PDB file of all heavy atoms in Angstrom:
ATOM      1  N   SER A   1     266.498 116.195  49.813  1.00  0.00           N
ATOM      2  CA  SER A   1     266.874 114.772  49.792  1.00  0.00           C
ATOM      3  C   SER A   1     267.932 114.501  48.736  1.00  0.00           C
ATOM      4  O   SER A   1     268.884 113.753  48.972  1.00  0.00           O
ATOM      5  CB  SER A   1     265.649 113.897  49.532  1.00  0.00           C
ATOM      6  OG  SER A   1     264.756 113.984  50.617  1.00  0.00           O
ATOM      7  N   LYS A   2     267.784 115.117  47.575  1.00  0.00           N
ATOM      8  CA  LYS A   2     268.781 114.937  46.511  1.00  0.00           C
ATOM      9  C   LYS A   2     270.140 115.480  46.939  1.00  0.00           C
ATOM     10  O   LYS A   2     271.170 114.879  46.650  1.00  0.00           O
ATOM     11  CB  LYS A   2     268.322 115.605  45.221  1.00  0.00           C
ATOM     12  CG  LYS A   2     267.228 114.840  44.523  1.00  0.00           C
ATOM     13  CD  LYS A   2     266.882 115.467  43.200  1.00  0.00           C
ATOM     14  CE  LYS A   2     265.790 114.647  42.534  1.00  0.00           C
ATOM     15  NZ  LYS A   2     265.533 115.059  41.169  1.00  0.00           N
ATOM     16  N   HIS A   3     270.133 116.616  47.625  1.00  0.00           N
ATOM     17  CA  HIS A   3     271.390 117.201  48.087  1.00  0.00           C
ATOM     18  C   HIS A   3     272.045 116.311  49.137  1.00  0.00           C
ATOM     19  O   HIS A   3     273.258 116.084  49.114  1.00  0.00           O
ATOM     20  CB  HIS A   3     271.157 118.613  48.631  1.00  0.00           C
ATOM     21  CG  HIS A   3     272.405 119.355  48.948  1.00  0.00           C
ATOM     22  ND1 HIS A   3     272.465 120.274  49.964  1.00  0.00           N
ATOM     23  CD2 HIS A   3     273.655 119.324  48.395  1.00  0.00           C
ATOM     24  CE1 HIS A   3     273.695 120.766  50.019  1.00  0.00           C
ATOM     25  NE2 HIS A   3     274.429 120.206  49.085  1.00  0.00           N
ATOM     26  N   VAL A   4     271.262 115.782  50.066  1.00  0.00           N
ATOM     27  CA  VAL A   4     271.795 114.868  51.087  1.00  0.00           C
ATOM     28  C   VAL A   4     272.452 113.664  50.408  1.00  0.00           C
ATOM     29  O   VAL A   4     273.579 113.284  50.739  1.00  0.00           O
ATOM     30  CB  VAL A   4     270.675 114.408  52.060  1.00  0.00           C
ATOM     31  CG1 VAL A   4     271.121 113.221  52.908  1.00  0.00           C
ATOM     32  CG2 VAL A   4     270.255 115.573  52.951  1.00  0.00           C
ATOM     33  N   THR A   5     271.759 113.085  49.433  1.00  0.00           N
ATOM     34  CA  THR A   5     272.300 111.937  48.717  1.00  0.00           C
ATOM     35  C   THR A   5     273.573 112.318  47.963  1.00  0.00           C
ATOM     36  O   THR A   5     274.561 111.570  47.978  1.00  0.00           O
ATOM     37  CB  THR A   5     271.241 111.367  47.749  1.00  0.00           C
ATOM     38  OG1 THR A   5     270.092 110.989  48.516  1.00  0.00           O
ATOM     39  CG2 THR A   5     271.768 110.166  46.994  1.00  0.00           C
ATOM     40  N   ALA A   6     273.579 113.484  47.333  1.00  0.00           N
ATOM     41  CA  ALA A   6     274.757 113.937  46.582  1.00  0.00           C
ATOM     42  C   ALA A   6     275.951 114.152  47.511  1.00  0.00           C
ATOM     43  O   ALA A   6     277.090 113.794  47.164  1.00  0.00           O
ATOM     44  CB  ALA A   6     274.432 115.216  45.819  1.00  0.00           C
ATOM     45  N   VAL A   7     275.718 114.719  48.687  1.00  0.00           N
ATOM     46  CA  VAL A   7     276.803 114.925  49.649  1.00  0.00           C
ATOM     47  C   VAL A   7     277.364 113.575  50.100  1.00  0.00           C
ATOM     48  O   VAL A   7     278.580 113.373  50.127  1.00  0.00           O
ATOM     49  CB  VAL A   7     276.336 115.770  50.857  1.00  0.00           C
ATOM     50  CG1 VAL A   7     277.381 115.763  51.975  1.00  0.00           C
ATOM     51  CG2 VAL A   7     276.027 117.193  50.429  1.00  0.00           C
ATOM     52  N   ALA A   8     276.474 112.644  50.438  1.00  0.00           N
ATOM     53  CA  ALA A   8     276.919 111.315  50.875  1.00  0.00           C
ATOM     54  C   ALA A   8     277.721 110.621  49.769  1.00  0.00           C
ATOM     55  O   ALA A   8     278.765 110.008  50.032  1.00  0.00           O
ATOM     56  CB  ALA A   8     275.721 110.463  51.290  1.00  0.00           C
ATOM     57  N   GLU A   9     277.256 110.736  48.532  1.00  0.00           N
ATOM     58  CA  GLU A   9     277.980 110.128  47.410  1.00  0.00           C
ATOM     59  C   GLU A   9     279.340 110.796  47.201  1.00  0.00           C
ATOM     60  O   GLU A   9     280.323 110.119  46.876  1.00  0.00           O
ATOM     61  CB  GLU A   9     277.142 110.206  46.139  1.00  0.00           C
ATOM     62  CG  GLU A   9     275.954 109.260  46.155  1.00  0.00           C
ATOM     63  CD  GLU A   9     275.008 109.435  44.980  1.00  0.00           C
ATOM     64  OE1 GLU A   9     275.187 110.382  44.168  1.00  0.00           O
ATOM     65  OE2 GLU A   9     274.070 108.619  44.865  1.00  0.00           O
ATOM     66  N   ALA A  10     279.402 112.110  47.390  1.00  0.00           N
ATOM     67  CA  ALA A  10     280.677 112.815  47.241  1.00  0.00           C
ATOM     68  C   ALA A  10     281.678 112.383  48.307  1.00  0.00           C
ATOM     69  O   ALA A  10     282.864 112.187  48.014  1.00  0.00           O
ATOM     70  CB  ALA A  10     280.447 114.331  47.303  1.00  0.00           C
ATOM     71  N   VAL A  11     281.203 112.228  49.531  1.00  0.00           N
ATOM     72  CA  VAL A  11     282.070 111.748  50.619  1.00  0.00           C
ATOM     73  C   VAL A  11     282.565 110.350  50.298  1.00  0.00           C
ATOM     74  O   VAL A  11     283.772 110.069  50.367  1.00  0.00           O
ATOM     75  CB  VAL A  11     281.325 111.778  51.975  1.00  0.00           C
ATOM     76  CG1 VAL A  11     282.076 110.992  53.042  1.00  0.00           C
ATOM     77  CG2 VAL A  11     281.085 113.217  52.420  1.00  0.00           C
ATOM     78  N   ASP A  12     281.647 109.471  49.933  1.00  0.00           N
ATOM     79  CA  ASP A  12     282.017 108.097  49.616  1.00  0.00           C
ATOM     80  C   ASP A  12     283.016 108.056  48.455  1.00  0.00           C
ATOM     81  O   ASP A  12     284.014 107.332  48.509  1.00  0.00           O
ATOM     82  CB  ASP A  12     280.767 107.283  49.296  1.00  0.00           C
ATOM     83  CG  ASP A  12     281.065 105.812  49.087  1.00  0.00           C
ATOM     84  OD1 ASP A  12     281.780 105.222  49.929  1.00  0.00           O
ATOM     85  OD2 ASP A  12     280.590 105.250  48.086  1.00  0.00           O
ATOM     86  N   GLY A  13     282.765 108.841  47.434  1.00  0.00           N
ATOM     87  CA  GLY A  13     283.669 108.869  46.283  1.00  0.00           C
ATOM     88  C   GLY A  13     285.055 109.363  46.638  1.00  0.00           C
ATOM     89  O   GLY A  13     286.064 108.782  46.216  1.00  0.00           O
ATOM     90  N   ALA A  14     285.127 110.422  47.425  1.00  0.00           N
ATOM     91  CA  ALA A  14     286.433 110.960  47.830  1.00  0.00           C
ATOM     92  C   ALA A  14     287.221 109.941  48.638  1.00  0.00           C
ATOM     93  O   ALA A  14     288.435 109.787  48.451  1.00  0.00           O
ATOM     94  CB  ALA A  14     286.243 112.249  48.635  1.00  0.00           C
ATOM     95  N   LEU A  15     286.551 109.242  49.533  1.00  0.00           N
ATOM     96  CA  LEU A  15     287.258 108.264  50.357  1.00  0.00           C
ATOM     97  C   LEU A  15     287.620 107.016  49.557  1.00  0.00           C
ATOM     98  O   LEU A  15     288.688 106.437  49.771  1.00  0.00           O
ATOM     99  CB  LEU A  15     286.448 107.913  51.592  1.00  0.00           C
ATOM    100  CG  LEU A  15     286.288 109.076  52.580  1.00  0.00           C
ATOM    101  CD1 LEU A  15     285.590 108.615  53.838  1.00  0.00           C
ATOM    102  CD2 LEU A  15     287.607 109.714  52.920  1.00  0.00           C
ATOM    103  N   ARG A  16     286.771 106.615  48.634  1.00  0.00           N
ATOM    104  CA  ARG A  16     287.117 105.466  47.788  1.00  0.00           C
ATOM    105  C   ARG A  16     288.356 105.766  46.950  1.00  0.00           C
ATOM    106  O   ARG A  16     289.192 104.886  46.750  1.00  0.00           O
ATOM    107  CB  ARG A  16     285.936 105.057  46.904  1.00  0.00           C
ATOM    108  CG  ARG A  16     284.882 104.294  47.679  1.00  0.00           C
ATOM    109  CD  ARG A  16     283.692 103.909  46.789  1.00  0.00           C
ATOM    110  NE  ARG A  16     282.651 103.309  47.587  1.00  0.00           N
ATOM    111  CZ  ARG A  16     282.536 102.006  47.817  1.00  0.00           C
ATOM    112  NH1 ARG A  16     283.415 101.167  47.318  1.00  0.00           N
ATOM    113  NH2 ARG A  16     281.544 101.540  48.555  1.00  0.00           N
ATOM    114  N   ARG A  17     288.478 107.003  46.470  1.00  0.00           N
ATOM    115  CA  ARG A  17     289.684 107.384  45.718  1.00  0.00           C
ATOM    116  C   ARG A  17     290.922 107.302  46.598  1.00  0.00           C
ATOM    117  O   ARG A  17     292.031 107.112  46.104  1.00  0.00           O
ATOM    118  CB  ARG A  17     289.520 108.772  45.115  1.00  0.00           C
ATOM    119  CG  ARG A  17     288.586 108.785  43.915  1.00  0.00           C
ATOM    120  CD  ARG A  17     288.561 110.107  43.182  1.00  0.00           C
ATOM    121  NE  ARG A  17     288.031 111.207  43.962  1.00  0.00           N
ATOM    122  CZ  ARG A  17     286.732 111.447  44.148  1.00  0.00           C
ATOM    123  NH1 ARG A  17     285.828 110.648  43.618  1.00  0.00           N
ATOM    124  NH2 ARG A  17     286.342 112.481  44.867  1.00  0.00           N
ATOM    125  N   ALA A  18     290.731 107.443  47.912  1.00  0.00           N
ATOM    126  CA  ALA A  18     291.834 107.298  48.874  1.00  0.00           C
ATOM    127  C   ALA A  18     291.924 105.853  49.384  1.00  0.00           C
ATOM    128  O   ALA A  18     292.611 105.584  50.366  1.00  0.00           O
ATOM    129  CB  ALA A  18     291.643 108.262  50.041  1.00  0.00           C
ATOM    130  N   HIS A  19     291.194 104.938  48.739  1.00  0.00           N
ATOM    131  CA  HIS A  19     291.196 103.505  49.077  1.00  0.00           C
ATOM    132  C   HIS A  19     290.615 103.224  50.463  1.00  0.00           C
ATOM    133  O   HIS A  19     291.060 102.318  51.154  1.00  0.00           O
ATOM    134  CB  HIS A  19     292.593 102.910  48.931  1.00  0.00           C
ATOM    135  CG  HIS A  19     293.202 103.194  47.599  1.00  0.00           C
ATOM    136  ND1 HIS A  19     292.763 102.586  46.443  1.00  0.00           N
ATOM    137  CD2 HIS A  19     294.189 104.046  47.228  1.00  0.00           C
ATOM    138  CE1 HIS A  19     293.462 103.046  45.419  1.00  0.00           C
ATOM    139  NE2 HIS A  19     294.325 103.929  45.861  1.00  0.00           N
ATOM    140  N   VAL A  20     289.617 104.025  50.856  1.00  0.00           N
ATOM    141  CA  VAL A  20     288.911 103.823  52.123  1.00  0.00           C
ATOM    142  C   VAL A  20     287.450 103.537  51.784  1.00  0.00           C
ATOM    143  O   VAL A  20     286.802 104.329  51.103  1.00  0.00           O
ATOM    144  CB  VAL A  20     289.017 105.067  53.038  1.00  0.00           C
ATOM    145  CG1 VAL A  20     288.245 104.858  54.327  1.00  0.00           C
ATOM    146  CG2 VAL A  20     290.475 105.410  53.311  1.00  0.00           C
ATOM    147  N   ARG A  21     286.954 102.408  52.256  1.00  0.00           N
ATOM    148  CA  ARG A  21     285.587 101.999  51.960  1.00  0.00           C
ATOM    149  C   ARG A  21     284.776 101.923  53.254  1.00  0.00           C
ATOM    150  O   ARG A  21     285.294 101.536  54.288  1.00  0.00           O
ATOM    151  CB  ARG A  21     285.584 100.630  51.294  1.00  0.00           C
ATOM    152  CG  ARG A  21     286.404 100.614  50.014  1.00  0.00           C
ATOM    153  CD  ARG A  21     285.846  99.681  48.984  1.00  0.00           C
ATOM    154  NE  ARG A  21     286.559  99.521  47.744  1.00  0.00           N
ATOM    155  CZ  ARG A  21     286.995 100.469  46.930  1.00  0.00           C
ATOM    156  NH1 ARG A  21     286.874 101.704  47.251  1.00  0.00           N
ATOM    157  NH2 ARG A  21     287.579 100.199  45.787  1.00  0.00           N
ATOM    158  N   PRO A  22     283.494 102.274  53.173  1.00  0.00           N
ATOM    159  CA  PRO A  22     282.668 102.199  54.383  1.00  0.00           C
ATOM    160  C   PRO A  22     282.329 100.764  54.743  1.00  0.00           C
ATOM    161  O   PRO A  22     282.165  99.906  53.867  1.00  0.00           O
ATOM    162  CB  PRO A  22     281.402 102.966  53.982  1.00  0.00           C
ATOM    163  CG  PRO A  22     281.303 102.783  52.504  1.00  0.00           C
ATOM    164  CD  PRO A  22     282.733 102.736  52.005  1.00  0.00           C
ATOM    165  N   ALA A  23     282.222 100.505  56.042  1.00  0.00           N
ATOM    166  CA  ALA A  23     281.751  99.202  56.510  1.00  0.00           C
ATOM    167  C   ALA A  23     280.280  99.056  56.166  1.00  0.00           C
ATOM    168  O   ALA A  23     279.808  97.972  55.833  1.00  0.00           O
ATOM    169  CB  ALA A  23     281.972  99.065  58.009  1.00  0.00           C
ATOM    170  N   THR A  24     279.548 100.170  56.256  1.00  0.00           N
ATOM    171  CA  THR A  24     278.121 100.164  55.935  1.00  0.00           C
ATOM    172  C   THR A  24     277.667 101.566  55.553  1.00  0.00           C
ATOM    173  O   THR A  24     278.266 102.556  55.958  1.00  0.00           O
ATOM    174  CB  THR A  24     277.284  99.628  57.118  1.00  0.00           C
ATOM    175  OG1 THR A  24     275.933  99.455  56.708  1.00  0.00           O
ATOM    176  CG2 THR A  24     277.328 100.546  58.304  1.00  0.00           C
ATOM    177  N   VAL A  25     276.613 101.607  54.769  1.00  0.00           N
ATOM    178  CA  VAL A  25     275.936 102.847  54.405  1.00  0.00           C
ATOM    179  C   VAL A  25     274.451 102.605  54.649  1.00  0.00           C
ATOM    180  O   VAL A  25     273.897 101.621  54.167  1.00  0.00           O
ATOM    181  CB  VAL A  25     276.176 103.234  52.929  1.00  0.00           C
ATOM    182  CG1 VAL A  25     275.379 104.475  52.550  1.00  0.00           C
ATOM    183  CG2 VAL A  25     277.658 103.432  52.648  1.00  0.00           C
ATOM    184  N   GLU A  26     273.823 103.490  55.384  1.00  0.00           N
ATOM    185  CA  GLU A  26     272.396 103.361  55.702  1.00  0.00           C
ATOM    186  C   GLU A  26     271.658 104.630  55.300  1.00  0.00           C
ATOM    187  O   GLU A  26     272.194 105.730  55.453  1.00  0.00           O
ATOM    188  CB  GLU A  26     272.195 103.138  57.208  1.00  0.00           C
ATOM    189  CG  GLU A  26     272.862 101.894  57.760  1.00  0.00           C
ATOM    190  CD  GLU A  26     272.230 100.608  57.293  1.00  0.00           C
ATOM    191  OE1 GLU A  26     271.028 100.619  56.943  1.00  0.00           O
ATOM    192  OE2 GLU A  26     272.937  99.590  57.261  1.00  0.00           O
ATOM    193  N   GLY A  27     270.441 104.475  54.812  1.00  0.00           N
ATOM    194  CA  GLY A  27     269.566 105.610  54.564  1.00  0.00           C
ATOM    195  C   GLY A  27     269.717 106.293  53.221  1.00  0.00           C
ATOM    196  O   GLY A  27     269.034 107.283  52.951  1.00  0.00           O
ATOM    197  N   ALA A  28     270.568 105.791  52.355  1.00  0.00           N
ATOM    198  CA  ALA A  28     270.820 106.464  51.081  1.00  0.00           C
ATOM    199  C   ALA A  28     269.583 106.479  50.178  1.00  0.00           C
ATOM    200  O   ALA A  28     269.392 107.417  49.406  1.00  0.00           O
ATOM    201  CB  ALA A  28     272.003 105.819  50.370  1.00  0.00           C
ATOM    202  N   ALA A  29     268.738 105.476  50.277  1.00  0.00           N
ATOM    203  CA  ALA A  29     267.570 105.391  49.397  1.00  0.00           C
ATOM    204  C   ALA A  29     266.587 106.534  49.627  1.00  0.00           C
ATOM    205  O   ALA A  29     266.004 107.053  48.680  1.00  0.00           O
ATOM    206  CB  ALA A  29     266.875 104.046  49.576  1.00  0.00           C
ATOM    207  N   LEU A  30     266.410 106.946  50.879  1.00  0.00           N
ATOM    208  CA  LEU A  30     265.455 108.016  51.191  1.00  0.00           C
ATOM    209  C   LEU A  30     266.075 109.403  51.146  1.00  0.00           C
ATOM    210  O   LEU A  30     265.407 110.372  50.816  1.00  0.00           O
ATOM    211  CB  LEU A  30     264.827 107.787  52.570  1.00  0.00           C
ATOM    212  CG  LEU A  30     263.930 106.567  52.692  1.00  0.00           C
ATOM    213  CD1 LEU A  30     263.442 106.415  54.122  1.00  0.00           C
ATOM    214  CD2 LEU A  30     262.755 106.679  51.734  1.00  0.00           C
ATOM    215  N   GLY A  31     267.335 109.506  51.537  1.00  0.00           N
ATOM    216  CA  GLY A  31     268.009 110.793  51.493  1.00  0.00           C
ATOM    217  C   GLY A  31     267.612 111.768  52.584  1.00  0.00           C
ATOM    218  O   GLY A  31     267.810 112.969  52.438  1.00  0.00           O
ATOM    219  N   HIS A  32     267.055 111.273  53.676  1.00  0.00           N
ATOM    220  CA  HIS A  32     266.730 112.154  54.805  1.00  0.00           C
ATOM    221  C   HIS A  32     267.865 112.180  55.818  1.00  0.00           C
ATOM    222  O   HIS A  32     268.104 113.203  56.453  1.00  0.00           O
ATOM    223  CB  HIS A  32     265.446 111.709  55.502  1.00  0.00           C
ATOM    224  CG  HIS A  32     264.252 111.791  54.622  1.00  0.00           C
ATOM    225  ND1 HIS A  32     263.106 111.078  54.857  1.00  0.00           N
ATOM    226  CD2 HIS A  32     264.010 112.485  53.485  1.00  0.00           C
ATOM    227  CE1 HIS A  32     262.218 111.336  53.923  1.00  0.00           C
ATOM    228  NE2 HIS A  32     262.753 112.182  53.077  1.00  0.00           N
ATOM    229  N   TRP A  33     268.501 111.027  55.983  1.00  0.00           N
ATOM    230  CA  TRP A  33     269.604 110.880  56.935  1.00  0.00           C
ATOM    231  C   TRP A  33     270.456 109.729  56.433  1.00  0.00           C
ATOM    232  O   TRP A  33     270.037 108.570  56.464  1.00  0.00           O
ATOM    233  CB  TRP A  33     269.064 110.603  58.323  1.00  0.00           C
ATOM    234  CG  TRP A  33     270.058 110.365  59.412  1.00  0.00           C
ATOM    235  CD1 TRP A  33     271.433 110.339  59.325  1.00  0.00           C
ATOM    236  CD2 TRP A  33     269.762 110.117  60.784  1.00  0.00           C
ATOM    237  NE1 TRP A  33     271.986 110.089  60.541  1.00  0.00           N
ATOM    238  CE2 TRP A  33     270.981 109.948  61.470  1.00  0.00           C
ATOM    239  CE3 TRP A  33     268.597 110.018  61.504  1.00  0.00           C
ATOM    240  CZ2 TRP A  33     271.049 109.684  62.831  1.00  0.00           C
ATOM    241  CZ3 TRP A  33     268.667 109.753  62.857  1.00  0.00           C
ATOM    242  CH2 TRP A  33     269.882 109.601  63.512  1.00  0.00           C
ATOM    243  N   VAL A  34     271.625 110.024  55.925  1.00  0.00           N
ATOM    244  CA  VAL A  34     272.521 108.982  55.426  1.00  0.00           C
ATOM    245  C   VAL A  34     273.655 108.827  56.426  1.00  0.00           C
ATOM    246  O   VAL A  34     274.268 109.812  56.844  1.00  0.00           O
ATOM    247  CB  VAL A  34     273.083 109.323  54.029  1.00  0.00           C
ATOM    248  CG1 VAL A  34     274.023 108.223  53.552  1.00  0.00           C
ATOM    249  CG2 VAL A  34     271.950 109.537  53.036  1.00  0.00           C
ATOM    250  N   LEU A  35     273.898 107.595  56.817  1.00  0.00           N
ATOM    251  CA  LEU A  35     274.985 107.273  57.733  1.00  0.00           C
ATOM    252  C   LEU A  35     276.020 106.458  56.966  1.00  0.00           C
ATOM    253  O   LEU A  35     275.672 105.478  56.321  1.00  0.00           O
ATOM    254  CB  LEU A  35     274.460 106.466  58.920  1.00  0.00           C
ATOM    255  CG  LEU A  35     275.502 106.086  59.964  1.00  0.00           C
ATOM    256  CD1 LEU A  35     274.882 106.152  61.347  1.00  0.00           C
ATOM    257  CD2 LEU A  35     276.088 104.711  59.711  1.00  0.00           C
ATOM    258  N   LEU A  36     277.283 106.903  57.025  1.00  0.00           N
ATOM    259  CA  LEU A  36     278.397 106.166  56.438  1.00  0.00           C
ATOM    260  C   LEU A  36     279.335 105.816  57.577  1.00  0.00           C
ATOM    261  O   LEU A  36     279.803 106.709  58.290  1.00  0.00           O
ATOM    262  CB  LEU A  36     279.128 107.019  55.395  1.00  0.00           C
ATOM    263  CG  LEU A  36     278.277 107.507  54.227  1.00  0.00           C
ATOM    264  CD1 LEU A  36     278.015 108.987  54.378  1.00  0.00           C
ATOM    265  CD2 LEU A  36     278.973 107.230  52.928  1.00  0.00           C
ATOM    266  N   ASP A  37     279.597 104.535  57.739  1.00  0.00           N
ATOM    267  CA  ASP A  37     280.426 104.067  58.856  1.00  0.00           C
ATOM    268  C   ASP A  37     281.792 103.643  58.333  1.00  0.00           C
ATOM    269  O   ASP A  37     281.919 102.646  57.619  1.00  0.00           O
ATOM    270  CB  ASP A  37     279.728 102.894  59.543  1.00  0.00           C
ATOM    271  CG  ASP A  37     280.474 102.385  60.764  1.00  0.00           C
ATOM    272  OD1 ASP A  37     281.639 102.772  60.976  1.00  0.00           O
ATOM    273  OD2 ASP A  37     279.887 101.574  61.498  1.00  0.00           O
ATOM    274  N   TYR A  38     282.801 104.421  58.709  1.00  0.00           N
ATOM    275  CA  TYR A  38     284.179 104.128  58.323  1.00  0.00           C
ATOM    276  C   TYR A  38     284.985 103.608  59.510  1.00  0.00           C
ATOM    277  O   TYR A  38     286.193 103.788  59.570  1.00  0.00           O
ATOM    278  CB  TYR A  38     284.842 105.376  57.730  1.00  0.00           C
ATOM    279  CG  TYR A  38     284.244 105.763  56.405  1.00  0.00           C
ATOM    280  CD1 TYR A  38     283.270 106.747  56.324  1.00  0.00           C
ATOM    281  CD2 TYR A  38     284.635 105.128  55.232  1.00  0.00           C
ATOM    282  CE1 TYR A  38     282.705 107.093  55.107  1.00  0.00           C
ATOM    283  CE2 TYR A  38     284.078 105.468  54.014  1.00  0.00           C
ATOM    284  CZ  TYR A  38     283.118 106.449  53.958  1.00  0.00           C
ATOM    285  OH  TYR A  38     282.562 106.784  52.742  1.00  0.00           O
ATOM    286  N   GLY A  39     284.327 102.980  60.454  1.00  0.00           N
ATOM    287  CA  GLY A  39     285.010 102.433  61.618  1.00  0.00           C
ATOM    288  C   GLY A  39     285.272 103.500  62.665  1.00  0.00           C
ATOM    289  O   GLY A  39     284.395 103.797  63.471  1.00  0.00           O
ATOM    290  N   ASP A  40     286.442 104.101  62.632  1.00  0.00           N
ATOM    291  CA  ASP A  40     286.787 105.138  63.609  1.00  0.00           C
ATOM    292  C   ASP A  40     286.067 106.457  63.347  1.00  0.00           C
ATOM    293  O   ASP A  40     286.018 107.322  64.219  1.00  0.00           O
ATOM    294  CB  ASP A  40     288.295 105.391  63.610  1.00  0.00           C
ATOM    295  CG  ASP A  40     289.079 104.230  64.174  1.00  0.00           C
ATOM    296  OD1 ASP A  40     288.513 103.468  64.985  1.00  0.00           O
ATOM    297  OD2 ASP A  40     290.256 104.066  63.811  1.00  0.00           O
ATOM    298  N   VAL A  41     285.536 106.615  62.152  1.00  0.00           N
ATOM    299  CA  VAL A  41     284.820 107.842  61.781  1.00  0.00           C
ATOM    300  C   VAL A  41     283.439 107.462  61.259  1.00  0.00           C
ATOM    301  O   VAL A  41     283.313 106.667  60.326  1.00  0.00           O
ATOM    302  CB  VAL A  41     285.594 108.638  60.703  1.00  0.00           C
ATOM    303  CG1 VAL A  41     284.803 109.865  60.266  1.00  0.00           C
ATOM    304  CG2 VAL A  41     286.974 109.039  61.219  1.00  0.00           C
ATOM    305  N   VAL A  42     282.409 108.045  61.863  1.00  0.00           N
ATOM    306  CA  VAL A  42     281.036 107.833  61.427  1.00  0.00           C
ATOM    307  C   VAL A  42     280.511 109.158  60.911  1.00  0.00           C
ATOM    308  O   VAL A  42     280.645 110.203  61.566  1.00  0.00           O
ATOM    309  CB  VAL A  42     280.148 107.288  62.566  1.00  0.00           C
ATOM    310  CG1 VAL A  42     278.697 107.182  62.129  1.00  0.00           C
ATOM    311  CG2 VAL A  42     280.663 105.931  63.038  1.00  0.00           C
ATOM    312  N   VAL A  43     279.936 109.114  59.717  1.00  0.00           N
ATOM    313  CA  VAL A  43     279.461 110.318  59.029  1.00  0.00           C
ATOM    314  C   VAL A  43     277.936 110.314  59.011  1.00  0.00           C
ATOM    315  O   VAL A  43     277.320 109.297  58.649  1.00  0.00           O
ATOM    316  CB  VAL A  43     280.000 110.356  57.582  1.00  0.00           C
ATOM    317  CG1 VAL A  43     279.546 111.625  56.869  1.00  0.00           C
ATOM    318  CG2 VAL A  43     281.515 110.206  57.564  1.00  0.00           C
TER     319      VAL A  43
END
């Protein structure tokens, strides 16, 4: 769960540095399945 959360945070951080923000992030609190929605790309 910690690794899942760390991966999701790394993705979010990399895209924020590129000035891209997710429309929504779901599941980060549990770390079993994190969904990051960037519109045309869903992670």
